[in-house]
Protein backbone atom coordinates (compact mmCIF):
# COMPACT_ATOMS: atom_id res chain seq x y z
CA MET A 1 -25.13 -9.01 -24.51
CA LEU A 2 -24.76 -11.90 -26.95
CA LEU A 3 -27.24 -11.02 -28.91
CA MET A 4 -26.21 -7.57 -29.24
CA CYS A 5 -22.63 -8.14 -29.66
CA LEU A 6 -24.16 -10.49 -33.02
CA ILE A 7 -25.92 -7.82 -34.25
CA PHE A 8 -23.02 -5.20 -34.24
CA SER A 9 -21.03 -8.25 -36.62
CA ILE A 10 -23.54 -8.60 -38.96
CA LEU A 11 -23.22 -5.12 -39.13
CA ALA A 12 -19.67 -4.92 -39.36
CA ALA A 13 -19.66 -7.58 -41.98
CA VAL A 14 -23.07 -6.27 -44.29
CA GLY A 15 -20.77 -2.86 -44.16
CA ASN A 16 -23.23 -0.39 -42.12
CA ASN A 17 -23.72 2.73 -42.17
CA ASP A 18 -26.46 2.83 -39.95
CA VAL A 19 -26.73 4.74 -37.29
CA ILE A 20 -28.37 3.18 -33.68
CA LYS A 21 -29.83 4.90 -30.84
CA MET A 22 -27.77 5.20 -28.01
CA GLU A 23 -29.06 7.38 -25.35
CA ASN A 24 -30.42 10.33 -27.26
CA GLN A 25 -29.01 9.96 -30.32
CA MET A 26 -31.50 9.78 -33.55
CA VAL A 27 -32.15 6.34 -35.25
CA ASP A 28 -31.52 6.65 -39.08
CA GLU A 29 -31.61 2.76 -39.77
CA THR A 30 -31.49 -0.53 -37.98
CA ILE A 31 -30.43 -4.48 -38.90
CA PHE A 32 -34.36 -4.93 -39.03
CA SER A 33 -34.57 -2.15 -41.51
CA LYS A 34 -32.84 -4.00 -43.90
CA ILE A 35 -34.91 -7.30 -42.92
CA ILE A 36 -37.92 -5.58 -43.95
CA ARG A 37 -36.02 -4.97 -47.45
CA LYS A 38 -34.61 -8.07 -47.74
CA GLU A 39 -31.11 -6.82 -47.80
CA ILE A 40 -30.01 -9.54 -45.36
CA PRO A 41 -31.22 -12.91 -44.72
CA ALA A 42 -33.42 -13.89 -42.34
CA ASP A 43 -36.13 -16.71 -41.57
CA VAL A 44 -39.57 -14.11 -42.06
CA VAL A 45 -42.65 -16.03 -41.21
CA TYR A 46 -45.29 -12.68 -42.38
CA GLN A 47 -44.90 -9.89 -43.84
CA ASP A 48 -47.53 -7.65 -44.89
CA GLU A 49 -47.31 -3.47 -45.70
CA LEU A 50 -47.93 -2.98 -41.65
CA VAL A 51 -45.25 -5.18 -39.89
CA THR A 52 -42.36 -8.26 -40.81
CA ALA A 53 -42.16 -11.36 -38.69
CA PHE A 54 -39.28 -13.67 -38.58
CA LYS A 55 -37.63 -15.95 -35.84
CA ASP A 56 -34.85 -14.76 -33.40
CA ILE A 57 -31.53 -15.55 -34.34
CA ASN A 58 -31.29 -16.40 -30.63
CA PRO A 59 -34.07 -17.87 -29.76
CA ARG A 60 -35.16 -17.92 -25.72
CA ALA A 61 -37.86 -20.68 -25.90
CA PRO A 62 -39.08 -23.11 -28.74
CA ILE A 63 -40.67 -20.48 -30.52
CA HIS A 64 -39.46 -16.55 -30.76
CA ILE A 65 -40.52 -14.49 -33.40
CA LEU A 66 -40.40 -10.76 -33.39
CA ILE A 67 -42.42 -8.70 -34.95
CA ILE A 68 -41.62 -5.17 -35.86
CA PRO A 69 -43.31 -2.52 -37.64
CA ASN A 70 -42.34 -2.17 -41.45
CA LYS A 71 -42.34 1.63 -40.56
CA LEU A 72 -38.97 2.46 -38.59
CA ILE A 73 -40.20 3.60 -34.20
CA PRO A 74 -37.18 3.67 -32.65
CA THR A 75 -39.05 3.23 -29.06
CA LEU A 76 -43.08 3.10 -27.68
CA ASN A 77 -42.24 6.57 -26.19
CA ASP A 78 -41.88 7.49 -30.24
CA LEU A 79 -45.21 6.19 -31.27
CA VAL A 80 -47.70 8.85 -32.82
CA ASP A 81 -51.90 8.68 -33.41
CA GLU A 82 -50.47 7.34 -37.12
CA ASP A 83 -49.04 4.13 -35.62
CA GLU A 84 -51.72 2.42 -34.26
CA ARG A 85 -52.94 0.46 -36.88
CA ALA A 86 -49.48 -0.90 -37.36
CA MET A 87 -49.02 -1.46 -33.61
CA GLY A 88 -52.28 -3.40 -33.69
CA ARG A 89 -51.45 -5.67 -36.55
CA MET A 90 -48.48 -6.51 -34.51
CA PHE A 91 -51.02 -7.91 -32.01
CA THR A 92 -53.07 -9.62 -34.91
CA VAL A 93 -50.42 -11.25 -36.42
CA ALA A 94 -49.00 -12.35 -32.65
CA LYS A 95 -52.17 -14.76 -32.37
CA LYS A 96 -52.00 -15.96 -36.43
CA ILE A 97 -48.64 -17.01 -35.77
CA ALA A 98 -48.94 -18.72 -32.34
CA GLN A 99 -52.22 -20.62 -33.63
CA ASP A 100 -50.17 -21.56 -36.49
CA ALA A 101 -47.33 -22.63 -34.19
CA GLY A 102 -49.57 -24.23 -32.38
CA ILE A 103 -48.83 -22.79 -28.86
CA ALA A 104 -52.21 -20.95 -28.48
CA GLU A 105 -53.94 -23.10 -26.64
CA ASP A 106 -51.19 -23.79 -23.97
CA GLY A 107 -50.19 -19.66 -24.10
CA TYR A 108 -47.50 -17.58 -25.33
CA ARG A 109 -46.38 -14.09 -24.07
CA LEU A 110 -45.27 -11.13 -25.96
CA ILE A 111 -42.65 -8.90 -24.40
CA VAL A 112 -42.01 -5.32 -25.76
CA ASN A 113 -38.84 -3.26 -24.34
CA CYS A 114 -38.22 0.39 -24.01
CA ASN A 115 -35.57 1.84 -23.45
CA VAL A 116 -32.32 0.57 -21.59
CA HIS A 117 -33.85 -0.10 -18.27
CA GLY A 118 -36.41 -2.29 -20.39
CA GLY A 119 -33.89 -4.07 -22.12
CA GLN A 120 -34.35 -2.91 -25.65
CA GLU A 121 -31.40 -3.64 -28.14
CA VAL A 122 -32.46 -2.22 -31.45
CA TYR A 123 -33.88 0.75 -31.34
CA HIS A 124 -36.62 0.15 -33.76
CA ILE A 125 -40.03 -1.39 -31.49
CA HIS A 126 -40.27 -5.06 -31.76
CA MET A 127 -42.50 -7.81 -29.86
CA HIS A 128 -40.51 -10.90 -29.07
CA LEU A 129 -43.88 -13.75 -29.41
CA VAL A 130 -42.08 -16.57 -27.27
CA GLY A 131 -43.56 -20.04 -26.29
CA GLY A 132 -43.68 -23.88 -26.80
CA LYS A 133 -42.76 -24.54 -22.94
CA PRO A 134 -43.54 -23.40 -19.30
CA LEU A 135 -42.37 -19.76 -19.47
CA GLY A 136 -41.76 -19.14 -15.83
CA PRO A 137 -42.46 -15.97 -13.70
CA MET A 138 -42.65 -12.68 -15.91
CA LEU A 139 -39.35 -10.82 -13.98
CA VAL A 140 -37.13 -12.40 -11.48
CA ASN A 141 -36.21 -10.65 -8.39
């Protein structure tokens, strides 16, 4: 919830005309789109023609990086065959970032949320790379 408030605050500050997916509305633009185009600041750790990776502004672990496709794809349910290359690149970039950060050997977690019940807050597919400490159980009952 804090992340969502912060995102809406940032969007308001930059003059947001974005359309954010809420329930069944379509996404036109996201805060991540602006980060990809360098229209708003972010601590970018990797960028190529397919994906961009940057530090999460509300980290949940010592290492918390978001890896996103440069193409706006709202949810995993919106993937098409042509997106396979970018999705695969997200995983190889995660591996590279984990190695560069020195957390590959101890381990890390990759998380992708989908829609409301999955906990998705920004409707632009994104992978969380988290590590740098023991992360505990996957889900809490």
